[in-house]
Amino acid sequence: MHFLIVPMRVRGVPRSKKEINTAVPIRGDVHLCVDAFSPMGRPSSSASILKIHPGEPLLPPLHEAVMTGMSSMGATFTGIEINDGVAYAQSWWIRVP
């Protein structure tokens, strides 16, 4: 199932509510699994985007991903993303298109 995904942080710094609400979402399939070989050095739950539309930017996977919020039409996942070898806090706002 395709979802609209909006990253809620930039390099670990939270975006404002206005930025989040006006951001162009990425459309794709969110896949949750336990990654046996995660960069954390141990098995870790991870969230990644399996299929995206052509031209859409790809988000790095979330490691140690947990659902921190849920409503009837969406959810929030929080975890750690790794960019250029640096780990940052990240949250994704995921909703139904």
PDB file of N, CA and C in Angstrom:
ATOM      1  N   MET A   1       0.843  -1.180   0.000  1.00  0.00           N
ATOM      2  CA  MET A   1       0.000   0.000   0.000  1.00  0.00           C
ATOM      3  C   MET A   1       0.887   1.242   0.000  1.00  0.00           C
ATOM      4  N   HIS A   2       0.555   2.181  -0.819  1.00  0.00           N
ATOM      5  CA  HIS A   2       1.334   3.410  -0.887  1.00  0.00           C
ATOM      6  C   HIS A   2       0.925   4.371   0.210  1.00  0.00           C
ATOM      7  N   PHE A   3       1.917   5.027   0.774  1.00  0.00           N
ATOM      8  CA  PHE A   3       1.709   6.034   1.803  1.00  0.00           C
ATOM      9  C   PHE A   3       2.384   7.322   1.373  1.00  0.00           C
ATOM     10  N   LEU A   4       2.009   8.406   2.025  1.00  0.00           N
ATOM     11  CA  LEU A   4       2.701   9.678   1.874  1.00  0.00           C
ATOM     12  C   LEU A   4       3.602   9.820   3.097  1.00  0.00           C
ATOM     13  N   ILE A   5       4.905  10.019   2.868  1.00  0.00           N
ATOM     14  CA  ILE A   5       5.877  10.048   3.951  1.00  0.00           C
ATOM     15  C   ILE A   5       6.545  11.420   3.980  1.00  0.00           C
ATOM     16  N   VAL A   6       6.563  12.042   5.155  1.00  0.00           N
ATOM     17  CA  VAL A   6       7.220  13.333   5.333  1.00  0.00           C
ATOM     18  C   VAL A   6       8.243  13.197   6.458  1.00  0.00           C
ATOM     19  N   PRO A   7       9.535  13.415   6.182  1.00  0.00           N
ATOM     20  CA  PRO A   7      10.536  13.420   7.249  1.00  0.00           C
ATOM     21  C   PRO A   7      10.301  14.633   8.157  1.00  0.00           C
ATOM     22  N   MET A   8      10.345  14.414   9.456  1.00  0.00           N
ATOM     23  CA  MET A   8      10.035  15.471  10.414  1.00  0.00           C
ATOM     24  C   MET A   8      11.276  16.158  10.992  1.00  0.00           C
ATOM     25  N   ARG A   9      12.466  15.709  10.566  1.00  0.00           N
ATOM     26  CA  ARG A   9      13.710  16.316  11.037  1.00  0.00           C
ATOM     27  C   ARG A   9      14.685  16.454   9.869  1.00  0.00           C
ATOM     28  N   VAL A  10      15.610  17.380  10.011  1.00  0.00           N
ATOM     29  CA  VAL A  10      16.702  17.553   9.058  1.00  0.00           C
ATOM     30  C   VAL A  10      17.996  17.475   9.854  1.00  0.00           C
ATOM     31  N   ARG A  11      18.768  16.410   9.598  1.00  0.00           N
ATOM     32  CA  ARG A  11      20.008  16.151  10.337  1.00  0.00           C
ATOM     33  C   ARG A  11      19.808  16.242  11.847  1.00  0.00           C
ATOM     34  N   GLY A  12      18.690  15.661  12.307  1.00  0.00           N
ATOM     35  CA  GLY A  12      18.387  15.574  13.729  1.00  0.00           C
ATOM     36  C   GLY A  12      17.668  16.775  14.310  1.00  0.00           C
ATOM     37  N   VAL A  13      17.572  17.863  13.570  1.00  0.00           N
ATOM     38  CA  VAL A  13      16.911  19.082  14.061  1.00  0.00           C
ATOM     39  C   VAL A  13      15.447  19.060  13.632  1.00  0.00           C
ATOM     40  N   PRO A  14      14.518  19.189  14.602  1.00  0.00           N
ATOM     41  CA  PRO A  14      13.091  19.140  14.244  1.00  0.00           C
ATOM     42  C   PRO A  14      12.690  20.283  13.314  1.00  0.00           C
ATOM     43  N   ARG A  15      11.835  19.955  12.345  1.00  0.00           N
ATOM     44  CA  ARG A  15      11.262  20.964  11.464  1.00  0.00           C
ATOM     45  C   ARG A  15      10.055  21.569  12.150  1.00  0.00           C
ATOM     46  N   SER A  16       9.693  22.788  11.781  1.00  0.00           N
ATOM     47  CA  SER A  16       8.514  23.426  12.359  1.00  0.00           C
ATOM     48  C   SER A  16       7.250  22.742  11.830  1.00  0.00           C
ATOM     49  N   LYS A  17       6.153  22.909  12.545  1.00  0.00           N
ATOM     50  CA  LYS A  17       4.887  22.313  12.097  1.00  0.00           C
ATOM     51  C   LYS A  17       4.493  22.850  10.730  1.00  0.00           C
ATOM     52  N   LYS A  18       4.764  24.127  10.488  1.00  0.00           N
ATOM     53  CA  LYS A  18       4.432  24.721   9.190  1.00  0.00           C
ATOM     54  C   LYS A  18       5.243  24.057   8.083  1.00  0.00           C
ATOM     55  N   GLU A  19       6.546  23.828   8.315  1.00  0.00           N
ATOM     56  CA  GLU A  19       7.386  23.157   7.315  1.00  0.00           C
ATOM     57  C   GLU A  19       6.896  21.736   7.039  1.00  0.00           C
ATOM     58  N   ILE A  20       6.517  21.031   8.099  1.00  0.00           N
ATOM     59  CA  ILE A  20       6.048  19.652   7.944  1.00  0.00           C
ATOM     60  C   ILE A  20       4.736  19.617   7.173  1.00  0.00           C
ATOM     61  N   ASN A  21       3.812  20.513   7.506  1.00  0.00           N
ATOM     62  CA  ASN A  21       2.505  20.515   6.844  1.00  0.00           C
ATOM     63  C   ASN A  21       2.572  20.949   5.388  1.00  0.00           C
ATOM     64  N   THR A  22       3.557  21.787   5.030  1.00  0.00           N
ATOM     65  CA  THR A  22       3.655  22.268   3.651  1.00  0.00           C
ATOM     66  C   THR A  22       4.669  21.487   2.816  1.00  0.00           C
ATOM     67  N   ALA A  23       5.383  20.561   3.437  1.00  0.00           N
ATOM     68  CA  ALA A  23       6.386  19.774   2.703  1.00  0.00           C
ATOM     69  C   ALA A  23       5.715  18.868   1.680  1.00  0.00           C
ATOM     70  N   VAL A  24       6.385  18.682   0.564  1.00  0.00           N
ATOM     71  CA  VAL A  24       5.899  17.756  -0.459  1.00  0.00           C
ATOM     72  C   VAL A  24       6.250  16.340   0.011  1.00  0.00           C
ATOM     73  N   PRO A  25       5.240  15.495   0.233  1.00  0.00           N
ATOM     74  CA  PRO A  25       5.526  14.150   0.743  1.00  0.00           C
ATOM     75  C   PRO A  25       6.112  13.233  -0.321  1.00  0.00           C
ATOM     76  N   ILE A  26       6.846  12.237   0.145  1.00  0.00           N
ATOM     77  CA  ILE A  26       7.370  11.187  -0.715  1.00  0.00           C
ATOM     78  C   ILE A  26       6.340  10.066  -0.700  1.00  0.00           C
ATOM     79  N   ARG A  27       6.046   9.506  -1.859  1.00  0.00           N
ATOM     80  CA  ARG A  27       5.044   8.453  -1.962  1.00  0.00           C
ATOM     81  C   ARG A  27       5.756   7.117  -2.123  1.00  0.00           C
ATOM     82  N   GLY A  28       5.428   6.143  -1.265  1.00  0.00           N
ATOM     83  CA  GLY A  28       6.061   4.837  -1.384  1.00  0.00           C
ATOM     84  C   GLY A  28       5.490   3.828  -0.405  1.00  0.00           C
ATOM     85  N   ASP A  29       5.996   2.597  -0.501  1.00  0.00           N
ATOM     86  CA  ASP A  29       5.599   1.511   0.391  1.00  0.00           C
ATOM     87  C   ASP A  29       6.559   1.481   1.578  1.00  0.00           C
ATOM     88  N   VAL A  30       6.024   1.523   2.779  1.00  0.00           N
ATOM     89  CA  VAL A  30       6.852   1.454   3.983  1.00  0.00           C
ATOM     90  C   VAL A  30       6.957  -0.007   4.407  1.00  0.00           C
ATOM     91  N   HIS A  31       8.173  -0.467   4.605  1.00  0.00           N
ATOM     92  CA  HIS A  31       8.441  -1.848   4.984  1.00  0.00           C
ATOM     93  C   HIS A  31       9.089  -1.865   6.355  1.00  0.00           C
ATOM     94  N   LEU A  32       8.492  -2.593   7.295  1.00  0.00           N
ATOM     95  CA  LEU A  32       9.031  -2.736   8.645  1.00  0.00           C
ATOM     96  C   LEU A  32       9.554  -4.155   8.819  1.00  0.00           C
ATOM     97  N   CYS A  33      10.757  -4.283   9.371  1.00  0.00           N
ATOM     98  CA  CYS A  33      11.324  -5.615   9.565  1.00  0.00           C
ATOM     99  C   CYS A  33      12.395  -5.557  10.653  1.00  0.00           C
ATOM    100  N   VAL A  34      12.856  -6.728  11.052  1.00  0.00           N
ATOM    101  CA  VAL A  34      13.998  -6.817  11.958  1.00  0.00           C
ATOM    102  C   VAL A  34      15.220  -7.068  11.086  1.00  0.00           C
ATOM    103  N   ASP A  35      16.155  -6.141  11.134  1.00  0.00           N
ATOM    104  CA  ASP A  35      17.369  -6.213  10.323  1.00  0.00           C
ATOM    105  C   ASP A  35      18.459  -6.890  11.145  1.00  0.00           C
ATOM    106  N   ALA A  36      18.845  -8.094  10.749  1.00  0.00           N
ATOM    107  CA  ALA A  36      19.841  -8.859  11.509  1.00  0.00           C
ATOM    108  C   ALA A  36      21.235  -8.253  11.411  1.00  0.00           C
ATOM    109  N   PHE A  37      21.507  -7.506  10.341  1.00  0.00           N
ATOM    110  CA  PHE A  37      22.840  -6.936  10.128  1.00  0.00           C
ATOM    111  C   PHE A  37      22.747  -5.415  10.022  1.00  0.00           C
ATOM    112  N   SER A  38      22.230  -4.778  11.041  1.00  0.00           N
ATOM    113  CA  SER A  38      22.079  -3.327  11.001  1.00  0.00           C
ATOM    114  C   SER A  38      23.392  -2.627  11.329  1.00  0.00           C
ATOM    115  N   PRO A  39      23.507  -1.356  10.982  1.00  0.00           N
ATOM    116  CA  PRO A  39      24.711  -0.601  11.322  1.00  0.00           C
ATOM    117  C   PRO A  39      24.865  -0.394  12.832  1.00  0.00           C
ATOM    118  N   MET A  40      23.841  -0.758  13.601  1.00  0.00           N
ATOM    119  CA  MET A  40      23.904  -0.601  15.050  1.00  0.00           C
ATOM    120  C   MET A  40      24.790  -1.673  15.691  1.00  0.00           C
ATOM    121  N   GLY A  41      25.180  -2.681  14.897  1.00  0.00           N
ATOM    122  CA  GLY A  41      26.034  -3.742  15.409  1.00  0.00           C
ATOM    123  C   GLY A  41      25.273  -4.871  16.077  1.00  0.00           C
ATOM    124  N   ARG A  42      23.961  -4.868  15.941  1.00  0.00           N
ATOM    125  CA  ARG A  42      23.103  -5.898  16.524  1.00  0.00           C
ATOM    126  C   ARG A  42      21.788  -5.903  15.759  1.00  0.00           C
ATOM    127  N   PRO A  43      20.980  -6.926  15.943  1.00  0.00           N
ATOM    128  CA  PRO A  43      19.673  -6.899  15.271  1.00  0.00           C
ATOM    129  C   PRO A  43      18.869  -5.669  15.695  1.00  0.00           C
ATOM    130  N   SER A  44      18.198  -5.074  14.737  1.00  0.00           N
ATOM    131  CA  SER A  44      17.483  -3.826  14.991  1.00  0.00           C
ATOM    132  C   SER A  44      16.226  -3.785  14.141  1.00  0.00           C
ATOM    133  N   SER A  45      15.155  -3.246  14.691  1.00  0.00           N
ATOM    134  CA  SER A  45      13.957  -3.039  13.877  1.00  0.00           C
ATOM    135  C   SER A  45      14.247  -1.876  12.927  1.00  0.00           C
ATOM    136  N   SER A  46      13.803  -2.017  11.695  1.00  0.00           N
ATOM    137  CA  SER A  46      14.073  -0.957  10.726  1.00  0.00           C
ATOM    138  C   SER A  46      12.836  -0.686   9.883  1.00  0.00           C
ATOM    139  N   ALA A  47      12.740   0.548   9.407  1.00  0.00           N
ATOM    140  CA  ALA A  47      11.680   0.967   8.498  1.00  0.00           C
ATOM    141  C   ALA A  47      12.361   1.516   7.250  1.00  0.00           C
ATOM    142  N   SER A  48      11.913   1.065   6.092  1.00  0.00           N
ATOM    143  CA  SER A  48      12.478   1.551   4.842  1.00  0.00           C
ATOM    144  C   SER A  48      11.369   1.678   3.811  1.00  0.00           C
ATOM    145  N   ILE A  49      11.689   2.372   2.726  1.00  0.00           N
ATOM    146  CA  ILE A  49      10.725   2.559   1.650  1.00  0.00           C
ATOM    147  C   ILE A  49      11.093   1.601   0.530  1.00  0.00           C
ATOM    148  N   LEU A  50      10.163   0.698   0.176  1.00  0.00           N
ATOM    149  CA  LEU A  50      10.431  -0.298  -0.851  1.00  0.00           C
ATOM    150  C   LEU A  50      10.252   0.234  -2.258  1.00  0.00           C
ATOM    151  N   LYS A  51       9.119   0.824  -2.550  1.00  0.00           N
ATOM    152  CA  LYS A  51       8.833   1.290  -3.908  1.00  0.00           C
ATOM    153  C   LYS A  51       8.502   2.769  -3.852  1.00  0.00           C
ATOM    154  N   ILE A  52       9.138   3.510  -4.729  1.00  0.00           N
ATOM    155  CA  ILE A  52       8.807   4.924  -4.841  1.00  0.00           C
ATOM    156  C   ILE A  52       8.516   5.224  -6.295  1.00  0.00           C
ATOM    157  N   HIS A  53       7.837   6.308  -6.526  1.00  0.00           N
ATOM    158  CA  HIS A  53       7.550   6.725  -7.889  1.00  0.00           C
ATOM    159  C   HIS A  53       8.829   7.253  -8.531  1.00  0.00           C
ATOM    160  N   PRO A  54       8.969   7.113  -9.829  1.00  0.00           N
ATOM    161  CA  PRO A  54      10.169   7.606 -10.511  1.00  0.00           C
ATOM    162  C   PRO A  54      10.397   9.091 -10.218  1.00  0.00           C
ATOM    163  N   GLY A  55      11.634   9.422  -9.938  1.00  0.00           N
ATOM    164  CA  GLY A  55      11.979  10.815  -9.665  1.00  0.00           C
ATOM    165  C   GLY A  55      11.855  11.212  -8.205  1.00  0.00           C
ATOM    166  N   GLU A  56      11.239  10.366  -7.395  1.00  0.00           N
ATOM    167  CA  GLU A  56      11.098  10.679  -5.970  1.00  0.00           C
ATOM    168  C   GLU A  56      12.433  10.450  -5.267  1.00  0.00           C
ATOM    169  N   PRO A  57      12.798  11.312  -4.329  1.00  0.00           N
ATOM    170  CA  PRO A  57      14.034  11.072  -3.573  1.00  0.00           C
ATOM    171  C   PRO A  57      13.849   9.900  -2.615  1.00  0.00           C
ATOM    172  N   LEU A  58      14.907   9.150  -2.417  1.00  0.00           N
ATOM    173  CA  LEU A  58      14.866   7.997  -1.525  1.00  0.00           C
ATOM    174  C   LEU A  58      15.297   8.421  -0.133  1.00  0.00           C
ATOM    175  N   LEU A  59      14.551   8.009   0.874  1.00  0.00           N
ATOM    176  CA  LEU A  59      14.917   8.300   2.260  1.00  0.00           C
ATOM    177  C   LEU A  59      15.804   7.191   2.797  1.00  0.00           C
ATOM    178  N   PRO A  60      16.812   7.536   3.606  1.00  0.00           N
ATOM    179  CA  PRO A  60      17.600   6.472   4.233  1.00  0.00           C
ATOM    180  C   PRO A  60      16.728   5.705   5.220  1.00  0.00           C
ATOM    181  N   PRO A  61      17.004   4.428   5.453  1.00  0.00           N
ATOM    182  CA  PRO A  61      16.171   3.658   6.380  1.00  0.00           C
ATOM    183  C   PRO A  61      16.280   4.171   7.806  1.00  0.00           C
ATOM    184  N   LEU A  62      15.224   3.931   8.564  1.00  0.00           N
ATOM    185  CA  LEU A  62      15.225   4.239  10.003  1.00  0.00           C
ATOM    186  C   LEU A  62      15.626   2.977  10.751  1.00  0.00           C
ATOM    187  N   HIS A  63      16.651   3.064  11.577  1.00  0.00           N
ATOM    188  CA  HIS A  63      17.067   1.943  12.414  1.00  0.00           C
ATOM    189  C   HIS A  63      16.507   2.180  13.816  1.00  0.00           C
ATOM    190  N   GLU A  64      16.278   1.097  14.550  1.00  0.00           N
ATOM    191  CA  GLU A  64      15.641   1.188  15.875  1.00  0.00           C
ATOM    192  C   GLU A  64      14.274   1.859  15.747  1.00  0.00           C
ATOM    193  N   ALA A  65      13.570   1.571  14.659  1.00  0.00           N
ATOM    194  CA  ALA A  65      12.295   2.222  14.365  1.00  0.00           C
ATOM    195  C   ALA A  65      11.193   1.729  15.302  1.00  0.00           C
ATOM    196  N   VAL A  66      10.450   2.677  15.850  1.00  0.00           N
ATOM    197  CA  VAL A  66       9.290   2.371  16.688  1.00  0.00           C
ATOM    198  C   VAL A  66       8.148   3.298  16.284  1.00  0.00           C
ATOM    199  N   MET A  67       6.932   2.799  16.407  1.00  0.00           N
ATOM    200  CA  MET A  67       5.763   3.626  16.148  1.00  0.00           C
ATOM    201  C   MET A  67       5.505   4.462  17.399  1.00  0.00           C
ATOM    202  N   THR A  68       5.591   5.781  17.248  1.00  0.00           N
ATOM    203  CA  THR A  68       5.410   6.661  18.401  1.00  0.00           C
ATOM    204  C   THR A  68       4.054   7.346  18.414  1.00  0.00           C
ATOM    205  N   GLY A  69       3.293   7.203  17.342  1.00  0.00           N
ATOM    206  CA  GLY A  69       1.964   7.789  17.299  1.00  0.00           C
ATOM    207  C   GLY A  69       1.146   7.116  16.222  1.00  0.00           C
ATOM    208  N   MET A  70      -0.175   7.114  16.416  1.00  0.00           N
ATOM    209  CA  MET A  70      -1.041   6.467  15.434  1.00  0.00           C
ATOM    210  C   MET A  70      -2.417   7.104  15.473  1.00  0.00           C
ATOM    211  N   SER A  71      -3.009   7.284  14.295  1.00  0.00           N
ATOM    212  CA  SER A  71      -4.379   7.774  14.195  1.00  0.00           C
ATOM    213  C   SER A  71      -5.096   6.922  13.155  1.00  0.00           C
ATOM    214  N   SER A  72      -6.324   7.271  12.846  1.00  0.00           N
ATOM    215  CA  SER A  72      -7.080   6.462  11.892  1.00  0.00           C
ATOM    216  C   SER A  72      -6.542   6.576  10.466  1.00  0.00           C
ATOM    217  N   MET A  73      -5.836   7.644  10.143  1.00  0.00           N
ATOM    218  CA  MET A  73      -5.350   7.844   8.777  1.00  0.00           C
ATOM    219  C   MET A  73      -3.834   7.990   8.674  1.00  0.00           C
ATOM    220  N   GLY A  74      -3.109   7.738   9.765  1.00  0.00           N
ATOM    221  CA  GLY A  74      -1.672   7.894   9.678  1.00  0.00           C
ATOM    222  C   GLY A  74      -0.951   7.420  10.920  1.00  0.00           C
ATOM    223  N   ALA A  75       0.379   7.579  10.895  1.00  0.00           N
ATOM    224  CA  ALA A  75       1.209   7.154  12.022  1.00  0.00           C
ATOM    225  C   ALA A  75       2.517   7.934  11.990  1.00  0.00           C
ATOM    226  N   THR A  76       3.238   7.863  13.088  1.00  0.00           N
ATOM    227  CA  THR A  76       4.560   8.462  13.185  1.00  0.00           C
ATOM    228  C   THR A  76       5.540   7.384  13.623  1.00  0.00           C
ATOM    229  N   PHE A  77       6.633   7.250  12.870  1.00  0.00           N
ATOM    230  CA  PHE A  77       7.708   6.329  13.224  1.00  0.00           C
ATOM    231  C   PHE A  77       8.936   7.151  13.579  1.00  0.00           C
ATOM    232  N   THR A  78       9.618   6.759  14.633  1.00  0.00           N
ATOM    233  CA  THR A  78      10.813   7.449  15.087  1.00  0.00           C
ATOM    234  C   THR A  78      11.959   6.458  15.161  1.00  0.00           C
ATOM    235  N   GLY A  79      13.139   6.908  14.780  1.00  0.00           N
ATOM    236  CA  GLY A  79      14.311   6.045  14.827  1.00  0.00           C
ATOM    237  C   GLY A  79      15.573   6.829  14.552  1.00  0.00           C
ATOM    238  N   ILE A  80      16.568   6.137  14.048  1.00  0.00           N
ATOM    239  CA  ILE A  80      17.873   6.722  13.762  1.00  0.00           C
ATOM    240  C   ILE A  80      18.168   6.524  12.285  1.00  0.00           C
ATOM    241  N   GLU A  81      18.543   7.605  11.605  1.00  0.00           N
ATOM    242  CA  GLU A  81      18.977   7.488  10.214  1.00  0.00           C
ATOM    243  C   GLU A  81      20.469   7.802  10.155  1.00  0.00           C
ATOM    244  N   ILE A  82      21.135   7.170   9.215  1.00  0.00           N
ATOM    245  CA  ILE A  82      22.571   7.378   9.070  1.00  0.00           C
ATOM    246  C   ILE A  82      22.836   8.055   7.735  1.00  0.00           C
ATOM    247  N   ASN A  83      23.402   9.272   7.801  1.00  0.00           N
ATOM    248  CA  ASN A  83      23.764  10.050   6.611  1.00  0.00           C
ATOM    249  C   ASN A  83      25.250  10.334   6.656  1.00  0.00           C
ATOM    250  N   ASP A  84      25.965   9.924   5.627  1.00  0.00           N
ATOM    251  CA  ASP A  84      27.410  10.167   5.533  1.00  0.00           C
ATOM    252  C   ASP A  84      28.156   9.672   6.769  1.00  0.00           C
ATOM    253  N   GLY A  85      27.742   8.532   7.308  1.00  0.00           N
ATOM    254  CA  GLY A  85      28.412   7.937   8.445  1.00  0.00           C
ATOM    255  C   GLY A  85      28.067   8.538   9.795  1.00  0.00           C
ATOM    256  N   VAL A  86      27.133   9.488   9.830  1.00  0.00           N
ATOM    257  CA  VAL A  86      26.721  10.131  11.080  1.00  0.00           C
ATOM    258  C   VAL A  86      25.279   9.732  11.381  1.00  0.00           C
ATOM    259  N   ALA A  87      25.014   9.344  12.634  1.00  0.00           N
ATOM    260  CA  ALA A  87      23.665   8.939  13.047  1.00  0.00           C
ATOM    261  C   ALA A  87      22.890  10.150  13.553  1.00  0.00           C
ATOM    262  N   TYR A  88      21.673  10.313  13.050  1.00  0.00           N
ATOM    263  CA  TYR A  88      20.803  11.411  13.440  1.00  0.00           C
ATOM    264  C   TYR A  88      19.441  10.861  13.866  1.00  0.00           C
ATOM    265  N   ALA A  89      18.795  11.536  14.796  1.00  0.00           N
ATOM    266  CA  ALA A  89      17.413  11.207  15.141  1.00  0.00           C
ATOM    267  C   ALA A  89      16.533  11.600  13.957  1.00  0.00           C
ATOM    268  N   GLN A  90      15.508  10.796  13.682  1.00  0.00           N
ATOM    269  CA  GLN A  90      14.593  11.091  12.584  1.00  0.00           C
ATOM    270  C   GLN A  90      13.218  10.539  12.913  1.00  0.00           C
ATOM    271  N   SER A  91      12.193  11.230  12.445  1.00  0.00           N
ATOM    272  CA  SER A  91      10.809  10.753  12.548  1.00  0.00           C
ATOM    273  C   SER A  91      10.162  10.920  11.191  1.00  0.00           C
ATOM    274  N   TRP A  92       9.296   9.963  10.856  1.00  0.00           N
ATOM    275  CA  TRP A  92       8.537  10.031   9.613  1.00  0.00           C
ATOM    276  C   TRP A  92       7.064  10.167   9.959  1.00  0.00           C
ATOM    277  N   TRP A  93       6.394  11.118   9.326  1.00  0.00           N
ATOM    278  CA  TRP A  93       4.943  11.229   9.407  1.00  0.00           C
ATOM    279  C   TRP A  93       4.413  10.483   8.194  1.00  0.00           C
ATOM    280  N   ILE A  94       3.682   9.418   8.451  1.00  0.00           N
ATOM    281  CA  ILE A  94       3.177   8.550   7.386  1.00  0.00           C
ATOM    282  C   ILE A  94       1.658   8.637   7.386  1.00  0.00           C
ATOM    283  N   ARG A  95       1.088   8.894   6.206  1.00  0.00           N
ATOM    284  CA  ARG A  95      -0.373   8.975   6.133  1.00  0.00           C
ATOM    285  C   ARG A  95      -0.876   8.379   4.832  1.00  0.00           C
ATOM    286  N   VAL A  96      -2.140   8.107   4.812  1.00  0.00           N
ATOM    287  CA  VAL A  96      -2.784   7.527   3.636  1.00  0.00           C
ATOM    288  C   VAL A  96      -3.022   8.646   2.617  1.00  0.00           C
ATOM    289  N   PRO A  97      -2.722   8.386   1.331  1.00  0.00           N
ATOM    290  CA  PRO A  97      -2.931   9.441   0.318  1.00  0.00           C
ATOM    291  C   PRO A  97      -4.397   9.767   0.103  1.00  0.00           C
TER     292      PRO A  97
END
